[in-house]
Amino acid sequence: MYDFHPYFTSDGSVGLYSPIYNDIYHSATGALTEANEKFIDPIQCRKYLNKYQVKVLDICYGIGYNSKSFLQKMYLLTRPYTASLYTNNIKDKLSVYTNEIHADNILSRISVTAIDNDKNLAFLSPFIKTGEQNIKNEKFDFEYKILEKYLKNDKNIPKPKIEKIINFLLFEKIALNYPEIFENKDIETILGNKEYSRYFDDEIKAVFWHYKYTTGNFNPFEYNQSFLHNIYYNHVSKCYKKRLKRYKLQDIDFNFKTGDAREIIKNDRNTYDLIFLDAFTPSKCPILWSYEFFKLLYEHLEYDGLLLTYSISASVRNAMAAAGFFVGNNFNPAKNKVIGTIATKNKYLIKYPLSKFDLGLLKTTAGIFYHDENLNGQNEAIIERRNLEVQNSNLMTSSQYNKKYKTL
């Protein structure tokens, strides 16, 4: 049976555990919050409204929070919406109809290329719930018990959501491009399992079952005319009828590729505006954090593009710099904390440069990066090679550097 281990994180979004890596895919304190803070908020999405096309490469797509959060952000920037205002002392709610679409916005298409080893997770991504209020995890059927201490069922913790229109859009693209989803026994078993039902959106599931058992072939236009009159009419059909001027649902490309990201990207001739690198930690999955892999990503990034990752590892940052990137901190002013790393070819896009301490750390054994010359090595061999380099190095250790730095 397919291994599927979901749980609710503290912000009401679903996280996953990987038995293979004995690790979690997402922060236990908030999976969707993490996606927004570490991958979307630093981007300054508004500037992409002035591009004709935005191309995104999502490495280790998982259940899609990074891509879905980006699509949602762009959708919210380009749709008309109703803003709520309050008077000084009287809580009279006034509605003001506004529209953030400006005449100089030319965005016409967003293209997402998603890569992961697990196609089932991509297939499940449109069904995943967010914003769940009752986040009690009744049991964990996996060994990663340590995450329990991070989980808080606190009503004061914000519960962000992915808008349903984004999940519908994603489901439509998957259904059209990968119709084998309707014949996938693992997907059928998981969506039909009552134990997992609390993690999935019932309406998106209903769409899946409808087309699996009544029509056989997914046709979004037939869907608009018929099934939307049932459970989905009020939400989705409005978006289709109004046909937003600058951000049409049909102007989204979603391409999912299964397999080794190194091989897939080597054979890819595209360059990207945004690269999300969300692989498992370098100490467990170094094949996607090597110097050679960053050289490959450098070749696939536009000059004004950004590579974003959650990792702040000195070895990762040193590999990025050696590959030609300008490297900076993803700094969260609200938390007064560095929460990730940003790399680019254009140094003027670095808002928070690495500190003097950060730069010094790159010159210690902590900054020794992973090597994978032919981009086909195995994790264990790559880790072993780096360990030997660290052992035989004459560089200062990170602990020695910390002590020396404190005395300066």
Foldseek 3Di string as FASTA:
>chain_A
DDDWFWAAAQLFFIWTADPVLRGTLAQSNDRLVLLCQFANVLPPLVVCLLPQEAEEEEEACQLNSNVLVSLQVVVVQAAWDWDWDQDDPHRDTDTDTDGNDDPNGNHAAYEYEYEHQDVLRLLCNLFFWFLHLPRDDPDGPDDSVVSVVSGDNDNPNHTDGRDNLSSVLSNLQCCVVPVCSLVDPVNVVQCPDPVNVVGTDPVVSVVSVCCSPPPVHDDVVVCQVPVCVPDNVVPHNVLVVVQRPNDGSVRYHYHYDHDQPLVVLVPDPAAGQEYEDSDPDCLRAVLCQFLVNLLSNQVRYDQNHKYTYQDLFLQSQLSNVVSQWQKFFSADPVVRDGGTIMTHNDNVSHPGHDDPLSVVQCQALSNNYFDDPVSPDDSVVRNVVSVVCSVPDPGHHPVRSVVVVVVD
